[in-house]
């Protein structure tokens, strides 16, 4: 339990919630562990069910639901045809019946498969938060909601980056559906169970309030407004005071973590603005270079045409020169013959 609570603490701190420590997380996980026997299946349990023979239709379906929606149908038909050719008719029927997921559902499936450790920690965080939700006062509920938003935002950004790496930029509406799905996983054990399957078809809708799930009824009140159950009779007043003090310290740390997260968010926005400005400048420089290249290409084309014309004119001049030389030679021969004829005639007359 200590090691798992430390892993979950690191996950929270990476998401910007630096106010949580191992003892805070361990207390929530301890409550969850006591009621987990009939609860949501873990990722490892599901993997164990799918570690069968060489032709595992479950593994094929897992791979299919991480295929981008634009390629889903073609990939599904290819896998179904391969199963049918191999004589696995039932598997082919199951693969062919698979429904194409929405872009938000695909991104959530991709997150689960690509980040199994963080997904496991996210599921455990949801179980812990669902149990802690009913033991907090109004101020604690407010801080818990803020923490939940920051964790969801951090994980949704990871999913969006995975989608971009796979060649798909998530639009704002799709990003909102993805965040709604992650909020549902945190708040609702049924939604967490659906996401754990890794084959969401549509985005999930978060409930209006946290649903504790399978924890023993004696460990949570029936409504949010009720106070936490009284401690055992053996607990002293000092223990109650210590718990209240620890809770106040936890809330103070959470507020500090929220402020630190907001500062980091502002820095990220400023850094993003700088990157966008540099990208715009690079685009302008590229456009200027393209225009210069276009002008140079036009000049080169004009020079090629002028060169070709000069070559043609040179060839014509050379032909005229050869014709003139031939005519001159002919005229010289005729003049020479005439001169010889005149000499012969003159010689006979004398």
Protein backbone atom coordinates (compact mmCIF):
# COMPACT_ATOMS: atom_id res chain seq x y z
CA UNK A 1 0.00 0.00 0.00
CA UNK A 2 2.86 2.38 0.78
CA UNK A 3 4.45 1.87 -2.68
CA UNK A 4 1.16 2.36 -4.49
CA UNK A 5 0.31 5.47 -2.55
CA UNK A 6 3.75 6.89 -3.42
CA UNK A 7 3.17 6.17 -7.14
CA UNK A 8 -0.18 7.91 -6.98
CA UNK A 9 1.39 10.85 -5.14
CA UNK A 10 3.97 11.26 -7.94
CA UNK A 11 1.13 11.14 -10.49
CA UNK A 12 -0.72 13.90 -8.66
CA UNK A 13 2.41 16.01 -8.36
CA UNK A 14 3.16 15.60 -12.08
CA UNK A 15 -0.36 16.86 -12.73
CA UNK A 16 0.40 19.99 -10.67
CA UNK A 17 -1.12 18.85 -7.34
CA UNK A 18 1.98 19.22 -5.21
CA UNK A 19 -0.02 19.54 -1.99
CA UNK A 20 -0.67 15.78 -1.78
CA UNK A 21 1.76 13.58 0.11
CA UNK A 22 2.04 9.79 0.60
CA UNK A 23 0.08 9.82 3.87
CA UNK A 24 -2.85 11.72 2.31
CA UNK A 25 -3.06 9.30 -0.59
CA UNK A 26 -2.48 6.20 1.55
CA UNK A 27 -5.44 7.11 3.78
CA UNK A 28 -7.80 7.32 0.78
CA UNK A 29 -6.41 4.17 -0.84
CA UNK A 30 -6.81 2.27 2.45
CA UNK A 31 -10.52 3.07 2.46
CA UNK A 32 -10.81 1.96 -1.14
CA UNK A 33 -8.90 -1.30 -0.57
CA UNK A 34 -11.38 -2.42 2.09
CA UNK A 35 -14.27 -2.26 -0.41
CA UNK A 36 -12.50 -3.27 -3.63
CA UNK A 37 -13.42 -7.00 -3.65
CA UNK A 38 -16.55 -6.44 -5.76
CA UNK A 39 -15.44 -3.25 -7.47
CA UNK A 40 -14.07 -2.20 -10.85
CA UNK A 41 -11.71 -4.65 -12.54
CA UNK A 42 -8.13 -3.46 -12.85
CA UNK A 43 -6.17 -3.19 -16.08
CA UNK A 44 -3.96 -6.09 -15.02
CA UNK A 45 -6.97 -8.33 -14.42
CA UNK A 46 -8.26 -7.63 -17.87
CA UNK A 47 -4.86 -8.28 -19.42
CA UNK A 48 -4.78 -11.60 -17.61
CA UNK A 49 -8.05 -12.64 -19.23
CA UNK A 50 -6.61 -11.79 -22.65
CA UNK A 51 -3.31 -13.70 -22.39
CA UNK A 52 -4.70 -16.75 -24.20
CA UNK A 53 -3.67 -18.53 -27.39
CA UNK A 54 -2.03 -17.36 -30.58
CA UNK A 55 -5.28 -16.12 -32.14
CA UNK A 56 -6.63 -13.84 -29.40
CA UNK A 57 -9.68 -11.99 -30.67
CA UNK A 58 -9.61 -9.81 -27.56
CA UNK A 59 -6.12 -8.55 -28.45
CA UNK A 60 -7.28 -7.97 -32.04
CA UNK A 61 -10.20 -5.88 -30.82
CA UNK A 62 -7.92 -3.94 -28.45
CA UNK A 63 -5.65 -3.10 -31.38
CA UNK A 64 -8.64 -2.18 -33.55
CA UNK A 65 -9.95 0.36 -31.01
CA UNK A 66 -6.62 2.20 -31.00
CA UNK A 67 -6.82 2.56 -34.80
CA UNK A 68 -7.73 6.14 -35.85
CA UNK A 69 -11.45 6.42 -36.71
CA UNK A 70 -10.63 7.38 -40.32
CA UNK A 71 -8.92 3.99 -40.80
CA UNK A 72 -11.20 1.98 -38.50
CA UNK A 73 -13.60 0.45 -41.05
CA UNK A 74 -10.88 -0.61 -43.50
CA UNK A 75 -8.81 -2.12 -40.68
CA UNK A 76 -11.87 -3.88 -39.23
CA UNK A 77 -12.72 -5.51 -42.56
CA UNK A 78 -9.11 -6.62 -43.05
CA UNK A 79 -8.97 -8.22 -39.59
CA UNK A 80 -12.39 -9.85 -40.01
CA UNK A 81 -11.42 -11.27 -43.40
CA UNK A 82 -8.16 -12.66 -41.94
CA UNK A 83 -10.06 -14.37 -39.11
CA UNK A 84 -12.61 -15.80 -41.56
CA UNK A 85 -9.86 -17.10 -43.86
CA UNK A 86 -8.25 -18.78 -40.85
CA UNK A 87 -11.53 -20.57 -40.11
CA UNK A 88 -12.33 -18.51 -37.00
CA UNK A 89 -15.87 -17.64 -38.04
CA UNK A 90 -17.06 -16.55 -34.58
CA UNK A 91 -14.05 -14.27 -34.19
CA UNK A 92 -14.68 -12.79 -37.63
CA UNK A 93 -18.30 -12.10 -36.66
CA UNK A 94 -17.24 -10.34 -33.44
CA UNK A 95 -14.64 -8.23 -35.26
CA UNK A 96 -17.08 -7.27 -38.01
CA UNK A 97 -19.65 -6.20 -35.38
CA UNK A 98 -17.23 -3.70 -33.80
CA UNK A 99 -18.51 -0.12 -34.03
CA UNK A 100 -16.29 2.76 -35.07
CA UNK A 101 -15.54 5.09 -32.09
CA UNK A 102 -15.89 8.84 -32.13
CA UNK A 103 -12.67 10.85 -32.18
CA UNK A 104 -12.97 11.63 -28.44
CA UNK A 105 -13.65 7.98 -27.54
CA UNK A 106 -10.70 6.87 -29.71
CA UNK A 107 -8.39 9.36 -27.94
CA UNK A 108 -9.53 8.00 -24.56
CA UNK A 109 -8.89 4.41 -25.73
CA UNK A 110 -5.48 5.44 -27.08
CA UNK A 111 -4.59 7.05 -23.74
CA UNK A 112 -5.49 3.88 -21.85
CA UNK A 113 -3.39 1.65 -24.12
CA UNK A 114 -0.42 4.02 -24.57
CA UNK A 115 -0.12 5.12 -20.92
CA UNK A 116 -1.09 2.02 -18.90
CA UNK A 117 0.71 3.06 -15.69
CA UNK A 118 -0.73 6.57 -15.58
CA UNK A 119 -4.15 5.16 -16.52
CA UNK A 120 -3.96 2.72 -13.60
CA UNK A 121 -3.05 5.56 -11.25
CA UNK A 122 -5.88 7.66 -12.67
CA UNK A 123 -8.37 4.86 -11.97
CA UNK A 124 -7.07 4.46 -8.42
CA UNK A 125 -7.28 8.21 -7.93
CA UNK A 126 -10.92 8.09 -9.00
CA UNK A 127 -11.66 5.36 -6.47
CA UNK A 128 -9.90 7.31 -3.72
CA UNK A 129 -11.65 10.59 -4.60
CA UNK A 130 -15.07 8.94 -4.71
CA UNK A 131 -14.56 7.73 -1.15
CA UNK A 132 -13.12 11.03 0.06
CA UNK A 133 -15.89 13.08 -1.58
CA UNK A 134 -18.53 12.18 1.01
CA UNK A 135 -16.27 12.96 3.97
CA UNK A 136 -15.47 16.58 3.06
CA UNK A 137 -17.16 19.80 4.06
CA UNK A 138 -18.19 22.54 1.61
CA UNK A 139 -14.70 24.06 1.44
CA UNK A 140 -13.13 20.67 0.93
CA UNK A 141 -15.57 19.84 -1.87
CA UNK A 142 -14.63 23.08 -3.64
CA UNK A 143 -10.92 22.29 -3.43
CA UNK A 144 -11.55 18.70 -4.53
CA UNK A 145 -13.41 19.94 -7.62
CA UNK A 146 -10.50 22.23 -8.51
CA UNK A 147 -8.01 19.38 -8.08
CA UNK A 148 -10.15 17.10 -10.22
CA UNK A 149 -10.25 19.68 -13.03
CA UNK A 150 -6.47 20.03 -13.02
CA UNK A 151 -5.85 16.27 -13.08
CA UNK A 152 -8.34 15.83 -15.94
CA UNK A 153 -6.77 18.75 -17.83
CA UNK A 154 -3.28 17.29 -17.46
CA UNK A 155 -4.32 13.84 -18.66
CA UNK A 156 -6.45 15.17 -21.53
CA UNK A 157 -3.44 17.14 -22.78
CA UNK A 158 -1.46 13.89 -22.86
CA UNK A 159 -4.26 12.21 -24.82
CA UNK A 160 -4.40 15.15 -27.26
CA UNK A 161 -0.62 14.87 -27.81
CA UNK A 162 -0.96 11.13 -28.47
CA UNK A 163 -3.69 11.91 -31.01
CA UNK A 164 -1.47 14.52 -32.69
CA UNK A 165 1.38 12.01 -32.84
CA UNK A 166 -1.04 9.63 -34.58
CA UNK A 167 -1.88 12.33 -37.14
CA UNK A 168 -5.12 13.74 -35.70
CA UNK A 169 -5.50 17.24 -34.25
CA UNK A 170 -8.38 17.32 -31.74
CA UNK A 171 -10.78 20.22 -32.19
CA UNK A 172 -12.10 22.17 -29.21
CA UNK A 173 -15.46 20.28 -29.11
CA UNK A 174 -13.65 16.93 -29.29
CA UNK A 175 -11.26 18.02 -26.54
CA UNK A 176 -14.27 18.94 -24.38
CA UNK A 177 -15.83 15.49 -24.99
CA UNK A 178 -12.51 13.88 -24.02
CA UNK A 179 -12.35 15.86 -20.77
CA UNK A 180 -15.99 14.98 -20.02
CA UNK A 181 -15.11 11.30 -20.47
CA UNK A 182 -12.19 11.56 -18.05
CA UNK A 183 -14.35 13.41 -15.51
CA UNK A 184 -16.89 10.61 -15.79
CA UNK A 185 -14.14 8.02 -15.16
CA UNK A 186 -13.12 9.88 -11.98
CA UNK A 187 -16.65 10.31 -10.68
CA UNK A 188 -18.53 7.19 -11.74
CA UNK A 189 -17.35 3.57 -11.18
CA UNK A 190 -19.50 2.36 -14.09
CA UNK A 191 -17.81 4.86 -16.41
CA UNK A 192 -14.41 3.80 -15.04
CA UNK A 193 -15.29 0.19 -15.82
CA UNK A 194 -16.25 1.09 -19.39
CA UNK A 195 -13.01 3.00 -19.97
CA UNK A 196 -10.95 0.17 -18.47
CA UNK A 197 -12.25 -2.05 -21.27
CA UNK A 198 -10.41 0.19 -23.76
CA UNK A 199 -13.23 -0.01 -26.34
CA UNK A 200 -15.26 3.13 -25.88
CA UNK A 201 -17.45 3.97 -28.86
CA UNK A 202 -18.85 7.29 -27.63
CA UNK A 203 -17.73 9.92 -25.14
CA UNK A 204 -18.95 9.41 -21.56
CA UNK A 205 -21.08 11.89 -19.62
CA UNK A 206 -20.00 12.63 -16.03
CA UNK A 207 -22.66 12.33 -13.30
CA UNK A 208 -23.85 15.32 -11.33
CA UNK A 209 -21.94 14.13 -8.26
CA UNK A 210 -19.42 11.49 -7.25
CA UNK A 211 -20.67 7.91 -6.93
CA UNK A 212 -18.76 5.98 -4.28
CA UNK A 213 -19.17 2.60 -5.99
CA UNK A 214 -18.59 -0.59 -4.03
CA UNK A 215 -17.15 0.67 -0.75
CA UNK A 216 -18.98 -0.58 2.36
CA UNK A 217 -22.06 1.44 3.19
CA UNK A 218 -20.88 1.90 6.76
CA UNK A 219 -17.92 3.92 5.52
CA UNK A 220 -19.89 6.66 3.77
CA UNK A 221 -23.04 8.67 4.52
CA UNK A 222 -26.05 8.48 2.25
CA UNK A 223 -25.88 12.15 1.14
CA UNK A 224 -23.16 14.73 0.62
CA UNK A 225 -24.50 17.15 3.21
CA UNK A 226 -24.15 14.71 6.10
CA UNK A 227 -21.03 14.76 8.26
CA UNK A 228 -18.58 11.85 8.16
CA UNK A 229 -19.50 8.83 10.35
CA UNK A 230 -18.34 9.21 13.96
CA UNK A 231 -15.03 7.55 14.87
CA UNK A 232 -15.06 4.38 16.98
CA UNK A 233 -15.84 4.83 20.64
CA UNK A 234 -12.23 4.19 21.52
CA UNK A 235 -11.05 7.24 19.56
CA UNK A 236 -10.16 10.12 21.83
CA UNK A 237 -10.97 13.80 21.42
CA UNK A 238 -7.31 14.40 20.67
CA UNK A 239 -7.53 12.05 17.70
CA UNK A 240 -10.58 13.93 16.38
CA UNK A 241 -8.79 17.25 16.75
CA UNK A 242 -5.72 15.84 15.00
CA UNK A 243 -7.85 14.65 12.07
CA UNK A 244 -9.47 18.07 11.73
CA UNK A 245 -6.07 19.74 11.83
CA UNK A 246 -4.67 17.33 9.23
CA UNK A 247 -7.66 18.00 7.00
CA UNK A 248 -7.16 21.76 7.23
CA UNK A 249 -3.48 21.33 6.38
CA UNK A 250 -4.40 19.18 3.41
CA UNK A 251 -6.81 21.81 2.13
CA UNK A 252 -4.17 24.52 2.60
CA UNK A 253 -1.66 22.47 0.64
CA UNK A 254 -4.23 21.90 -2.09
CA UNK A 255 -4.85 25.65 -2.38
CA UNK A 256 -1.12 26.24 -2.63
CA UNK A 257 -0.89 23.56 -5.30
CA UNK A 258 -3.73 25.22 -7.22
CA UNK A 259 -1.93 28.56 -7.17
CA UNK A 260 1.31 26.93 -8.34
CA UNK A 261 -0.57 25.13 -11.12
CA UNK A 262 -2.17 28.40 -12.24
CA UNK A 263 1.26 30.06 -12.36
CA UNK A 264 2.64 27.21 -14.44
CA UNK A 265 -0.39 27.47 -16.70
CA UNK A 266 0.23 31.19 -17.24
CA UNK A 267 3.87 30.46 -18.09
CA UNK A 268 2.79 27.77 -20.53
CA UNK A 269 0.35 30.20 -22.17
CA UNK A 270 3.11 32.81 -22.49
CA UNK A 271 5.49 30.21 -23.93
CA UNK A 272 2.81 29.07 -26.36
CA UNK A 273 2.24 32.67 -27.45
CA UNK A 274 5.99 33.03 -28.14
CA UNK A 275 5.97 29.81 -30.15
CA UNK A 276 2.93 30.96 -32.14
CA UNK A 277 4.61 34.31 -32.87
CA UNK A 278 7.81 32.59 -34.03
CA UNK A 279 5.75 30.24 -36.17
CA UNK A 280 4.02 33.21 -37.80
CA UNK A 281 7.38 34.90 -38.46
CA UNK A 282 8.74 31.69 -39.94
CA UNK A 283 5.69 31.49 -42.18
CA UNK A 284 6.24 35.04 -43.37
CA UNK A 285 9.91 34.32 -44.10
CA UNK A 286 8.92 31.19 -46.00
CA UNK A 287 6.43 33.18 -48.10
CA UNK A 288 9.04 35.83 -48.89
CA UNK A 289 11.55 33.15 -49.91
CA UNK A 290 8.90 31.50 -52.07
CA UNK A 291 8.20 34.78 -53.85
CA UNK A 292 11.92 35.40 -54.44
CA UNK A 293 12.33 31.87 -55.76
CA UNK A 294 9.37 32.38 -58.08
CA UNK A 295 10.92 35.61 -59.40
CA UNK A 296 14.29 33.88 -59.92
CA UNK A 297 12.59 31.02 -61.75
CA UNK A 298 10.85 33.52 -64.04
CA UNK A 299 14.20 35.22 -64.73
CA UNK A 300 15.83 31.87 -65.43
CA UNK A 301 13.03 30.93 -67.82
CA UNK A 302 13.39 34.24 -69.63
CA UNK A 303 17.18 33.78 -69.82
CA UNK A 304 16.71 30.28 -71.25
CA UNK A 305 14.37 31.65 -73.90
CA UNK A 306 16.81 34.45 -74.78
CA UNK A 307 19.67 31.95 -74.94
CA UNK A 308 17.67 29.68 -77.25
CA UNK A 309 16.82 32.63 -79.48
CA UNK A 310 20.50 33.69 -79.61
CA UNK A 311 21.50 30.15 -80.56
CA UNK A 312 18.92 30.11 -83.34
CA UNK A 313 20.16 33.48 -84.64
CA UNK A 314 23.76 32.24 -84.49
CA UNK A 315 22.85 29.14 -86.48
CA UNK A 316 21.11 31.29 -89.10
CA UNK A 317 24.13 33.61 -89.28
CA UNK A 318 26.45 30.64 -89.69
CA UNK A 319 24.26 29.32 -92.52
CA UNK A 320 24.27 32.76 -94.19
CA UNK A 321 28.04 32.89 -93.77
CA UNK A 322 28.47 29.48 -95.40
CA UNK A 323 26.13 30.49 -98.25
CA UNK A 324 28.05 33.74 -98.77
CA UNK A 325 31.38 31.89 -98.76
CA UNK A 326 30.07 29.41 -101.32
CA UNK A 327 28.77 32.24 -103.51
CA UNK A 328 32.10 34.05 -103.26
CA UNK A 329 33.99 30.93 -104.25
CA UNK A 330 31.67 30.42 -107.23
CA UNK A 331 32.13 34.03 -108.30
CA UNK A 332 35.91 33.69 -108.00
CA UNK A 333 35.89 30.56 -110.15
CA UNK A 334 33.71 32.24 -112.77
CA UNK A 335 35.97 35.31 -112.79
CA UNK A 336 39.03 33.13 -113.17
CA UNK A 337 37.45 31.18 -116.04
CA UNK A 338 36.43 34.43 -117.75
CA UNK A 339 39.93 35.79 -117.41
CA UNK A 340 41.37 32.63 -118.93
CA UNK A 341 38.89 32.82 -121.79
CA UNK A 342 39.84 36.43 -122.50
CA UNK A 343 43.51 35.51 -122.62
CA UNK A 344 42.93 32.70 -125.08
CA UNK A 345 40.88 34.90 -127.35
CA UNK A 346 43.51 37.65 -127.24
CA UNK A 347 46.27 35.20 -128.08
CA UNK A 348 44.50 33.95 -131.20
CA UNK A 349 43.86 37.41 -132.56
CA UNK A 350 47.47 38.46 -132.30
